[in-house]
Amino acid sequence: MTVTLNASVPEFTALSTGAEAFSLAAFKGQQLVLYFYPKDSTPGCTSEGQGFAERHAEFLAANTQVFGISRDSLKSHEKFKQAQGFPFELLSDTDETLCRLFDVIKPKKLYGKDYIGIERSTFLLDKNGVLRHQWRGVKVPGHVNAVLAAALELHRQG
């Protein structure tokens, strides 16, 4: 089963940096940005995370919580989050459950080698857990601004 635009996202839990595990149900009443990225501490993923961190207060003003998700371990996430000073939590998906739910595992090629990895993607859920926007195959420059604009518009709509 994979998520569908304008449909409720099924309940899920995940290991999270910070004190508590993530539960989708715990954020009912708030919008969520779930951004999937390939790997901690790489240039593109660091730049994307910094973009979300720089605009974090604006996301919060739009009643929107941001979470980064990758297949890295919780230990790796804690180190990455601390090194970058991210004001939001990172979710660990080592078993690829969330990656499969959001259909972000794709064949990729790097230096002529084929492999399976995360396609950089972002999902915006409304306050009832309905998927309202999705961005797949994301290029980092300008992406955070597009997500913030969509979150602000969704928040204005109520």
Protein backbone atom coordinates (compact mmCIF):
# COMPACT_ATOMS: atom_id res chain seq x y z
CA MET A 1 0.00 0.00 0.00
CA THR A 2 1.31 3.45 -0.86
CA VAL A 3 0.03 6.91 -0.06
CA THR A 4 -2.34 8.68 -2.44
CA LEU A 5 -2.84 12.39 -2.94
CA ASN A 6 -5.97 13.74 -1.16
CA ALA A 7 -6.33 10.56 0.92
CA SER A 8 -5.55 9.90 4.59
CA VAL A 9 -2.07 8.61 5.30
CA PRO A 10 -2.25 5.36 7.32
CA GLU A 11 -1.11 5.57 10.92
CA PHE A 12 2.58 4.81 11.42
CA THR A 13 5.23 5.09 14.06
CA ALA A 14 8.98 5.53 13.66
CA LEU A 15 12.14 5.91 15.70
CA SER A 16 12.87 9.59 16.17
CA THR A 17 15.67 11.77 17.43
CA GLY A 18 14.71 13.45 20.66
CA ALA A 19 13.01 11.84 23.59
CA GLU A 20 10.02 10.06 22.04
CA ALA A 21 9.15 7.82 19.10
CA PHE A 22 7.18 9.49 16.32
CA SER A 23 3.49 8.64 15.94
CA LEU A 24 1.40 10.18 13.17
CA ALA A 25 -1.64 10.27 15.48
CA ALA A 26 0.25 12.47 17.97
CA PHE A 27 0.27 15.30 15.42
CA LYS A 28 -3.42 15.38 14.57
CA GLY A 29 -4.44 19.02 14.39
CA GLN A 30 -1.08 20.07 12.94
CA GLN A 31 0.18 20.05 9.37
CA LEU A 32 3.22 17.89 8.70
CA VAL A 33 6.07 18.13 6.24
CA LEU A 34 7.77 14.77 5.79
CA TYR A 35 10.88 15.12 3.68
CA PHE A 36 12.76 12.02 2.58
CA TYR A 37 16.45 12.39 1.83
CA PRO A 38 19.14 9.90 0.75
CA LYS A 39 21.84 10.09 3.44
CA ASP A 40 22.92 11.99 6.54
CA SER A 41 25.88 14.37 6.32
CA THR A 42 26.06 14.52 2.51
CA PRO A 43 26.18 17.90 0.74
CA GLY A 44 22.66 17.89 -0.78
CA CYS A 45 21.00 16.48 2.33
CA THR A 46 22.83 18.94 4.56
CA SER A 47 21.82 21.86 2.33
CA GLU A 48 18.18 20.72 2.27
CA GLY A 49 18.08 20.29 6.04
CA GLN A 50 19.65 23.70 6.56
CA GLY A 51 16.97 25.20 4.31
CA PHE A 52 14.20 23.70 6.43
CA ALA A 53 16.04 24.81 9.60
CA GLU A 54 16.35 28.41 8.36
CA ARG A 55 12.60 28.64 7.71
CA HIS A 56 11.56 26.58 10.74
CA ALA A 57 9.87 29.46 12.60
CA GLU A 58 7.77 30.21 9.51
CA PHE A 59 6.66 26.58 9.29
CA LEU A 60 5.69 26.65 12.97
CA ALA A 61 3.73 29.88 12.41
CA ALA A 62 1.76 27.95 9.78
CA ASN A 63 1.00 25.19 12.34
CA THR A 64 3.37 22.88 10.44
CA GLN A 65 5.88 20.47 11.93
CA VAL A 66 8.86 19.36 9.80
CA PHE A 67 10.46 15.91 9.93
CA GLY A 68 13.37 14.58 7.90
CA ILE A 69 13.39 10.85 7.05
CA SER A 70 16.10 8.56 5.74
CA ARG A 71 17.31 4.99 6.11
CA ASP A 72 20.17 6.05 8.39
CA SER A 73 20.35 4.79 11.97
CA LEU A 74 19.08 6.79 14.91
CA LYS A 75 22.71 7.20 16.06
CA SER A 76 23.66 8.69 12.68
CA HIS A 77 20.58 10.96 12.80
CA GLU A 78 21.43 12.22 16.29
CA LYS A 79 24.97 13.07 15.15
CA PHE A 80 23.72 14.79 11.96
CA LYS A 81 21.03 16.75 13.81
CA GLN A 82 23.45 17.92 16.49
CA ALA A 83 26.19 18.86 13.99
CA GLN A 84 23.75 20.95 11.94
CA GLY A 85 21.70 22.30 14.85
CA PHE A 86 18.43 21.23 13.24
CA PRO A 87 15.42 22.46 15.28
CA PHE A 88 13.27 19.54 14.05
CA GLU A 89 13.45 15.79 14.50
CA LEU A 90 14.77 13.15 12.10
CA LEU A 91 13.02 9.80 11.69
CA SER A 92 14.98 6.60 11.16
CA ASP A 93 13.56 4.17 8.59
CA THR A 94 16.23 1.45 8.54
CA ASP A 95 13.72 -1.22 7.50
CA GLU A 96 12.32 1.02 4.69
CA THR A 97 8.72 0.78 5.95
CA LEU A 98 8.06 4.50 5.46
CA CYS A 99 10.08 4.58 2.24
CA ARG A 100 7.79 1.89 0.81
CA LEU A 101 4.63 3.55 2.18
CA PHE A 102 5.57 6.80 0.42
CA ASP A 103 7.05 4.98 -2.61
CA VAL A 104 10.41 6.76 -2.52
CA ILE A 105 12.74 3.77 -3.02
CA LYS A 106 13.89 3.92 -6.63
CA PRO A 107 16.62 2.53 -8.87
CA LYS A 108 19.45 5.06 -9.11
CA LYS A 109 22.84 5.33 -10.74
CA LEU A 110 26.02 6.86 -9.34
CA TYR A 111 29.35 6.84 -11.14
CA GLY A 112 27.98 4.23 -13.54
CA LYS A 113 26.83 1.86 -10.78
CA ASP A 114 23.19 0.90 -10.33
CA TYR A 115 21.74 0.81 -6.84
CA ILE A 116 18.46 1.25 -4.97
CA GLY A 117 18.12 4.45 -2.94
CA ILE A 118 15.78 7.14 -1.71
CA GLU A 119 14.43 9.54 -4.31
CA ARG A 120 14.50 12.95 -2.60
CA SER A 121 10.78 13.62 -1.99
CA THR A 122 8.61 15.77 0.27
CA PHE A 123 5.02 15.31 1.43
CA LEU A 124 2.68 17.84 3.04
CA LEU A 125 -0.13 16.46 5.20
CA ASP A 126 -3.02 18.61 6.41
CA LYS A 127 -4.10 18.79 10.06
CA ASN A 128 -6.25 15.65 9.59
CA GLY A 129 -3.44 13.54 8.17
CA VAL A 130 -4.56 13.81 4.53
CA LEU A 131 -1.80 14.04 1.92
CA ARG A 132 -2.33 17.39 0.17
CA HIS A 133 0.93 18.00 -1.72
CA GLN A 134 3.84 15.87 -2.87
CA TRP A 135 7.12 16.74 -4.51
CA ARG A 136 9.10 13.86 -6.06
CA GLY A 137 12.53 13.90 -7.63
CA VAL A 138 13.28 17.09 -5.69
CA LYS A 139 16.14 19.41 -6.57
CA VAL A 140 17.30 21.23 -3.43
CA PRO A 141 17.55 24.86 -4.65
CA GLY A 142 14.23 26.65 -4.09
CA HIS A 143 12.48 23.55 -2.78
CA VAL A 144 12.01 24.68 0.84
CA ASN A 145 10.41 27.92 -0.37
CA ALA A 146 7.90 25.96 -2.47
CA VAL A 147 7.01 23.70 0.46
CA LEU A 148 6.63 26.68 2.81
CA ALA A 149 4.35 28.48 0.33
CA ALA A 150 2.14 25.37 0.08
CA ALA A 151 2.08 24.98 3.89
CA LEU A 152 1.11 28.62 4.37
CA GLU A 153 -1.66 28.35 1.77
CA LEU A 154 -3.02 25.15 3.29
CA HIS A 155 -2.97 26.76 6.74
CA ARG A 156 -4.89 29.80 5.43
CA GLN A 157 -7.54 27.48 3.97
CA GLY A 158 -8.08 26.07 7.43
